[in-house]
């Protein structure tokens, strides 16, 4: 918990809300990875690979994440797009770190 949250009630509530959102997001992505998504769409479980992990993040953001507002704007331009970009960058970094990125296109 941030030091200011211990003395500032507003900061503490905001911190707790963001932490709850992060835990919910992690649980949703983990569920999409292990069991797939069945709510209105049929997204099967992902393979236990880096590609599967990236697909789990994409499936969660595109099909399962609760959104207040325009879902397409969130997916394509908003926080959902940022999350998917971060997941992609982490996947590429992991592959490069482990010498598995030989066939990836270079920018």
N, C-alpha and C. Protein backbone atom coordinates (compact mmCIF):
# COMPACT_ATOMS: atom_id res chain seq x y z
N UNK A 1 0.85 -1.17 0.00
CA UNK A 1 0.00 0.00 0.00
C UNK A 1 0.90 1.24 0.00
N UNK A 2 0.57 2.21 -0.84
CA UNK A 2 1.37 3.43 -0.88
C UNK A 2 1.32 4.14 0.48
N UNK A 3 2.41 4.79 0.87
CA UNK A 3 2.44 5.48 2.17
C UNK A 3 1.31 6.49 2.34
N UNK A 4 0.97 7.24 1.29
CA UNK A 4 -0.11 8.23 1.42
C UNK A 4 -1.46 7.58 1.69
N UNK A 5 -1.63 6.33 1.27
CA UNK A 5 -2.91 5.64 1.47
C UNK A 5 -3.16 5.34 2.94
N UNK A 6 -2.10 5.30 3.73
CA UNK A 6 -2.25 5.03 5.15
C UNK A 6 -2.82 6.22 5.91
N UNK A 7 -2.64 7.41 5.37
CA UNK A 7 -3.13 8.62 6.06
C UNK A 7 -4.22 9.34 5.29
N UNK A 8 -4.40 9.04 4.03
CA UNK A 8 -5.39 9.73 3.21
C UNK A 8 -6.48 8.73 2.79
N UNK A 9 -7.68 8.91 3.30
CA UNK A 9 -8.78 7.98 3.05
C UNK A 9 -9.12 7.87 1.56
N UNK A 10 -9.10 8.99 0.87
CA UNK A 10 -9.41 9.00 -0.56
C UNK A 10 -8.39 8.20 -1.37
N UNK A 11 -7.13 8.37 -1.03
CA UNK A 11 -6.07 7.63 -1.72
C UNK A 11 -6.20 6.14 -1.40
N UNK A 12 -6.52 5.80 -0.16
CA UNK A 12 -6.67 4.40 0.24
C UNK A 12 -7.81 3.74 -0.54
N UNK A 13 -8.94 4.42 -0.65
CA UNK A 13 -10.08 3.86 -1.38
C UNK A 13 -9.75 3.67 -2.86
N UNK A 14 -9.08 4.64 -3.43
CA UNK A 14 -8.69 4.54 -4.84
C UNK A 14 -7.73 3.38 -5.05
N UNK A 15 -6.77 3.26 -4.14
CA UNK A 15 -5.80 2.16 -4.23
C UNK A 15 -6.51 0.81 -4.13
N UNK A 16 -7.42 0.68 -3.18
CA UNK A 16 -8.13 -0.58 -2.99
C UNK A 16 -9.01 -0.92 -4.21
N UNK A 17 -9.61 0.10 -4.82
CA UNK A 17 -10.42 -0.12 -6.00
C UNK A 17 -9.56 -0.61 -7.17
N UNK A 18 -8.41 0.03 -7.39
CA UNK A 18 -7.52 -0.38 -8.48
C UNK A 18 -6.96 -1.78 -8.25
N UNK A 19 -6.66 -2.09 -6.98
CA UNK A 19 -6.15 -3.42 -6.66
C UNK A 19 -7.22 -4.47 -6.94
N UNK A 20 -8.46 -4.20 -6.58
CA UNK A 20 -9.57 -5.13 -6.85
C UNK A 20 -9.75 -5.32 -8.35
N UNK A 21 -9.64 -4.24 -9.12
CA UNK A 21 -9.76 -4.35 -10.58
C UNK A 21 -8.64 -5.20 -11.17
N UNK A 22 -7.43 -5.01 -10.67
CA UNK A 22 -6.29 -5.78 -11.17
C UNK A 22 -6.46 -7.26 -10.84
N UNK A 23 -6.95 -7.56 -9.65
CA UNK A 23 -7.18 -8.97 -9.27
C UNK A 23 -8.27 -9.59 -10.13
N UNK A 24 -9.33 -8.84 -10.40
CA UNK A 24 -10.42 -9.33 -11.25
C UNK A 24 -9.91 -9.59 -12.67
N UNK A 25 -9.08 -8.69 -13.18
CA UNK A 25 -8.53 -8.84 -14.52
C UNK A 25 -7.62 -10.07 -14.59
N UNK A 26 -6.77 -10.23 -13.60
CA UNK A 26 -5.88 -11.40 -13.57
C UNK A 26 -6.68 -12.69 -13.53
N UNK A 27 -7.73 -12.72 -12.72
CA UNK A 27 -8.57 -13.92 -12.62
C UNK A 27 -9.27 -14.21 -13.95
N UNK A 28 -9.74 -13.15 -14.63
CA UNK A 28 -10.40 -13.32 -15.91
C UNK A 28 -9.47 -13.83 -16.99
N UNK A 29 -8.26 -13.31 -17.02
CA UNK A 29 -7.28 -13.76 -18.01
C UNK A 29 -6.86 -15.20 -17.72
N UNK A 30 -6.66 -15.51 -16.45
CA UNK A 30 -6.30 -16.89 -16.07
C UNK A 30 -7.41 -17.86 -16.46
N UNK A 31 -8.64 -17.46 -16.24
CA UNK A 31 -9.78 -18.30 -16.61
C UNK A 31 -9.84 -18.49 -18.13
N UNK A 32 -9.65 -17.42 -18.88
CA UNK A 32 -9.66 -17.52 -20.35
C UNK A 32 -8.54 -18.44 -20.82
N UNK A 33 -7.39 -18.39 -20.18
CA UNK A 33 -6.26 -19.23 -20.55
C UNK A 33 -6.56 -20.70 -20.26
N UNK A 34 -7.08 -20.99 -19.07
CA UNK A 34 -7.26 -22.37 -18.63
C UNK A 34 -8.56 -23.02 -19.13
N UNK A 35 -9.64 -22.24 -19.18
CA UNK A 35 -10.95 -22.85 -19.46
C UNK A 35 -11.65 -22.26 -20.68
N UNK A 36 -11.12 -21.17 -21.22
CA UNK A 36 -11.78 -20.53 -22.35
C UNK A 36 -12.88 -19.59 -21.88
N UNK A 37 -13.67 -19.10 -22.83
CA UNK A 37 -14.76 -18.17 -22.55
C UNK A 37 -16.01 -18.74 -23.21
N UNK A 38 -17.09 -18.80 -22.46
CA UNK A 38 -18.33 -19.38 -22.98
C UNK A 38 -19.50 -18.39 -22.95
N UNK A 39 -19.29 -17.17 -22.50
CA UNK A 39 -20.37 -16.19 -22.37
C UNK A 39 -20.68 -15.52 -23.71
N UNK A 40 -21.58 -16.11 -24.47
CA UNK A 40 -21.99 -15.51 -25.74
C UNK A 40 -21.06 -15.82 -26.90
N UNK A 41 -19.82 -16.12 -26.62
CA UNK A 41 -18.87 -16.53 -27.66
C UNK A 41 -18.25 -17.84 -27.20
N UNK A 42 -17.72 -18.58 -28.11
CA UNK A 42 -17.09 -19.84 -27.74
C UNK A 42 -15.60 -19.73 -28.03
N UNK A 43 -14.85 -19.30 -27.02
CA UNK A 43 -13.40 -19.20 -27.14
C UNK A 43 -12.82 -20.37 -26.35
N UNK A 44 -12.15 -21.31 -27.02
CA UNK A 44 -11.63 -22.48 -26.33
C UNK A 44 -10.46 -22.13 -25.42
N UNK A 45 -10.11 -23.03 -24.50
CA UNK A 45 -8.92 -22.80 -23.67
C UNK A 45 -7.69 -22.62 -24.55
N UNK A 46 -6.70 -21.94 -24.04
CA UNK A 46 -5.49 -21.65 -24.82
C UNK A 46 -4.43 -22.71 -24.58
N UNK A 47 -3.58 -22.89 -25.57
CA UNK A 47 -2.44 -23.79 -25.43
C UNK A 47 -1.49 -23.23 -24.38
N UNK A 48 -0.78 -24.09 -23.66
CA UNK A 48 0.16 -23.62 -22.63
C UNK A 48 1.48 -23.14 -23.26
N UNK A 49 1.38 -22.09 -24.04
CA UNK A 49 2.53 -21.51 -24.72
C UNK A 49 2.48 -19.99 -24.55
N UNK A 50 3.53 -19.33 -24.97
CA UNK A 50 3.54 -17.86 -24.95
C UNK A 50 2.43 -17.34 -25.86
N UNK A 51 2.27 -17.97 -27.00
CA UNK A 51 1.20 -17.57 -27.93
C UNK A 51 -0.17 -17.76 -27.27
N UNK A 52 -0.34 -18.85 -26.54
CA UNK A 52 -1.58 -19.10 -25.83
C UNK A 52 -1.85 -18.04 -24.76
N UNK A 53 -0.81 -17.63 -24.05
CA UNK A 53 -0.97 -16.59 -23.03
C UNK A 53 -1.39 -15.26 -23.68
N UNK A 54 -0.77 -14.93 -24.80
CA UNK A 54 -1.15 -13.71 -25.51
C UNK A 54 -2.59 -13.80 -26.01
N UNK A 55 -2.99 -14.96 -26.51
CA UNK A 55 -4.38 -15.15 -26.95
C UNK A 55 -5.35 -15.03 -25.79
N UNK A 56 -4.97 -15.48 -24.60
CA UNK A 56 -5.83 -15.38 -23.42
C UNK A 56 -6.09 -13.92 -23.06
N UNK A 57 -5.05 -13.09 -23.12
CA UNK A 57 -5.22 -11.66 -22.84
C UNK A 57 -6.15 -11.04 -23.88
N UNK A 58 -5.92 -11.34 -25.14
CA UNK A 58 -6.75 -10.80 -26.22
C UNK A 58 -8.20 -11.26 -26.09
N UNK A 59 -8.41 -12.54 -25.81
CA UNK A 59 -9.77 -13.06 -25.67
C UNK A 59 -10.48 -12.39 -24.49
N UNK A 60 -9.78 -12.23 -23.37
CA UNK A 60 -10.38 -11.60 -22.20
C UNK A 60 -10.79 -10.16 -22.51
N UNK A 61 -9.88 -9.39 -23.08
CA UNK A 61 -10.16 -7.97 -23.37
C UNK A 61 -11.29 -7.86 -24.40
N UNK A 62 -11.23 -8.66 -25.46
CA UNK A 62 -12.20 -8.53 -26.55
C UNK A 62 -13.58 -9.09 -26.22
N UNK A 63 -13.65 -10.11 -25.34
CA UNK A 63 -14.92 -10.80 -25.16
C UNK A 63 -15.46 -10.87 -23.74
N UNK A 64 -14.64 -10.71 -22.72
CA UNK A 64 -15.11 -10.97 -21.36
C UNK A 64 -14.98 -9.79 -20.41
N UNK A 65 -14.05 -8.90 -20.64
CA UNK A 65 -13.83 -7.80 -19.70
C UNK A 65 -15.05 -6.89 -19.62
N UNK A 66 -15.45 -6.56 -18.39
CA UNK A 66 -16.57 -5.64 -18.21
C UNK A 66 -16.12 -4.23 -18.57
N UNK A 67 -16.90 -3.58 -19.41
CA UNK A 67 -16.55 -2.25 -19.93
C UNK A 67 -17.68 -1.28 -19.63
N UNK A 68 -17.34 -0.10 -19.17
CA UNK A 68 -18.30 1.00 -19.05
C UNK A 68 -18.07 1.91 -20.25
N UNK A 69 -18.96 1.87 -21.20
CA UNK A 69 -18.79 2.72 -22.38
C UNK A 69 -18.72 1.89 -23.64
N UNK A 70 -18.06 2.43 -24.63
CA UNK A 70 -17.97 1.82 -25.96
C UNK A 70 -16.93 0.70 -25.98
N UNK A 71 -17.39 -0.54 -26.12
CA UNK A 71 -16.50 -1.70 -26.12
C UNK A 71 -15.47 -1.62 -27.24
N UNK A 72 -15.89 -1.22 -28.44
CA UNK A 72 -14.96 -1.19 -29.57
C UNK A 72 -13.87 -0.14 -29.39
N UNK A 73 -14.22 1.00 -28.84
CA UNK A 73 -13.20 2.02 -28.57
C UNK A 73 -12.21 1.51 -27.53
N UNK A 74 -12.72 0.81 -26.52
CA UNK A 74 -11.85 0.23 -25.47
C UNK A 74 -10.89 -0.78 -26.08
N UNK A 75 -11.43 -1.66 -26.92
CA UNK A 75 -10.64 -2.73 -27.53
C UNK A 75 -9.59 -2.18 -28.49
N UNK A 76 -9.98 -1.19 -29.29
CA UNK A 76 -9.10 -0.73 -30.37
C UNK A 76 -8.20 0.44 -29.99
N UNK A 77 -8.66 1.30 -29.07
CA UNK A 77 -7.90 2.52 -28.80
C UNK A 77 -7.65 2.81 -27.32
N UNK A 78 -8.41 2.20 -26.44
CA UNK A 78 -8.37 2.56 -25.03
C UNK A 78 -7.48 1.66 -24.19
N UNK A 79 -7.90 1.46 -22.94
CA UNK A 79 -7.13 0.67 -21.99
C UNK A 79 -6.99 -0.78 -22.45
N UNK A 80 -8.00 -1.30 -23.13
CA UNK A 80 -7.90 -2.68 -23.64
C UNK A 80 -6.80 -2.82 -24.66
N UNK A 81 -6.70 -1.85 -25.55
CA UNK A 81 -5.63 -1.86 -26.56
C UNK A 81 -4.26 -1.76 -25.88
N UNK A 82 -4.17 -0.93 -24.85
CA UNK A 82 -2.90 -0.79 -24.12
C UNK A 82 -2.51 -2.09 -23.43
N UNK A 83 -3.49 -2.77 -22.84
CA UNK A 83 -3.21 -4.04 -22.18
C UNK A 83 -2.74 -5.08 -23.19
N UNK A 84 -3.40 -5.16 -24.34
CA UNK A 84 -2.99 -6.12 -25.36
C UNK A 84 -1.61 -5.80 -25.90
N UNK A 85 -1.30 -4.52 -26.07
CA UNK A 85 0.04 -4.13 -26.54
C UNK A 85 1.10 -4.51 -25.52
N UNK A 86 0.82 -4.28 -24.24
CA UNK A 86 1.77 -4.65 -23.19
C UNK A 86 2.00 -6.16 -23.16
N UNK A 87 0.92 -6.93 -23.32
CA UNK A 87 1.04 -8.39 -23.34
C UNK A 87 1.89 -8.84 -24.52
N UNK A 88 1.69 -8.22 -25.68
CA UNK A 88 2.47 -8.55 -26.87
C UNK A 88 3.96 -8.24 -26.63
N UNK A 89 4.23 -7.07 -26.09
CA UNK A 89 5.62 -6.67 -25.84
C UNK A 89 6.29 -7.60 -24.83
N UNK A 90 5.55 -8.01 -23.79
CA UNK A 90 6.10 -8.95 -22.81
C UNK A 90 6.37 -10.31 -23.46
N UNK A 91 5.47 -10.76 -24.33
CA UNK A 91 5.66 -12.04 -25.01
C UNK A 91 6.91 -12.00 -25.89
N UNK A 92 7.07 -10.93 -26.64
CA UNK A 92 8.26 -10.79 -27.51
C UNK A 92 9.53 -10.74 -26.66
N UNK A 93 9.50 -9.97 -25.58
CA UNK A 93 10.67 -9.88 -24.69
C UNK A 93 11.02 -11.25 -24.11
N UNK A 94 10.02 -12.01 -23.71
CA UNK A 94 10.24 -13.35 -23.17
C UNK A 94 10.90 -14.23 -24.22
N UNK A 95 10.37 -14.22 -25.42
CA UNK A 95 10.92 -15.04 -26.50
C UNK A 95 12.36 -14.65 -26.81
N UNK A 96 12.63 -13.35 -26.85
CA UNK A 96 13.99 -12.89 -27.13
C UNK A 96 14.95 -13.28 -26.01
N UNK A 97 14.48 -13.14 -24.78
CA UNK A 97 15.31 -13.47 -23.61
C UNK A 97 15.69 -14.94 -23.60
N UNK A 98 14.81 -15.78 -24.10
CA UNK A 98 15.05 -17.22 -24.10
C UNK A 98 15.54 -17.75 -25.45
N UNK A 99 15.93 -16.84 -26.34
CA UNK A 99 16.49 -17.24 -27.62
C UNK A 99 15.50 -17.92 -28.55
N UNK A 100 14.23 -17.59 -28.41
CA UNK A 100 13.19 -18.24 -29.20
C UNK A 100 12.59 -17.31 -30.25
N UNK A 101 13.19 -16.17 -30.45
CA UNK A 101 12.61 -15.17 -31.34
C UNK A 101 13.30 -15.11 -32.70
N UNK A 102 13.92 -16.18 -33.11
CA UNK A 102 14.68 -16.18 -34.37
C UNK A 102 13.82 -15.92 -35.59
N UNK A 103 12.57 -16.39 -35.58
CA UNK A 103 11.72 -16.29 -36.77
C UNK A 103 10.79 -15.08 -36.72
N UNK A 104 10.92 -14.25 -35.69
CA UNK A 104 10.04 -13.10 -35.59
C UNK A 104 10.46 -12.00 -36.54
N UNK A 105 9.49 -11.31 -37.14
CA UNK A 105 9.85 -10.19 -38.00
C UNK A 105 10.47 -9.06 -37.18
N UNK A 106 11.41 -8.36 -37.77
CA UNK A 106 12.01 -7.22 -37.08
C UNK A 106 11.30 -5.96 -37.52
N UNK A 107 11.28 -4.97 -36.65
CA UNK A 107 10.58 -3.72 -37.00
C UNK A 107 11.42 -2.80 -37.81
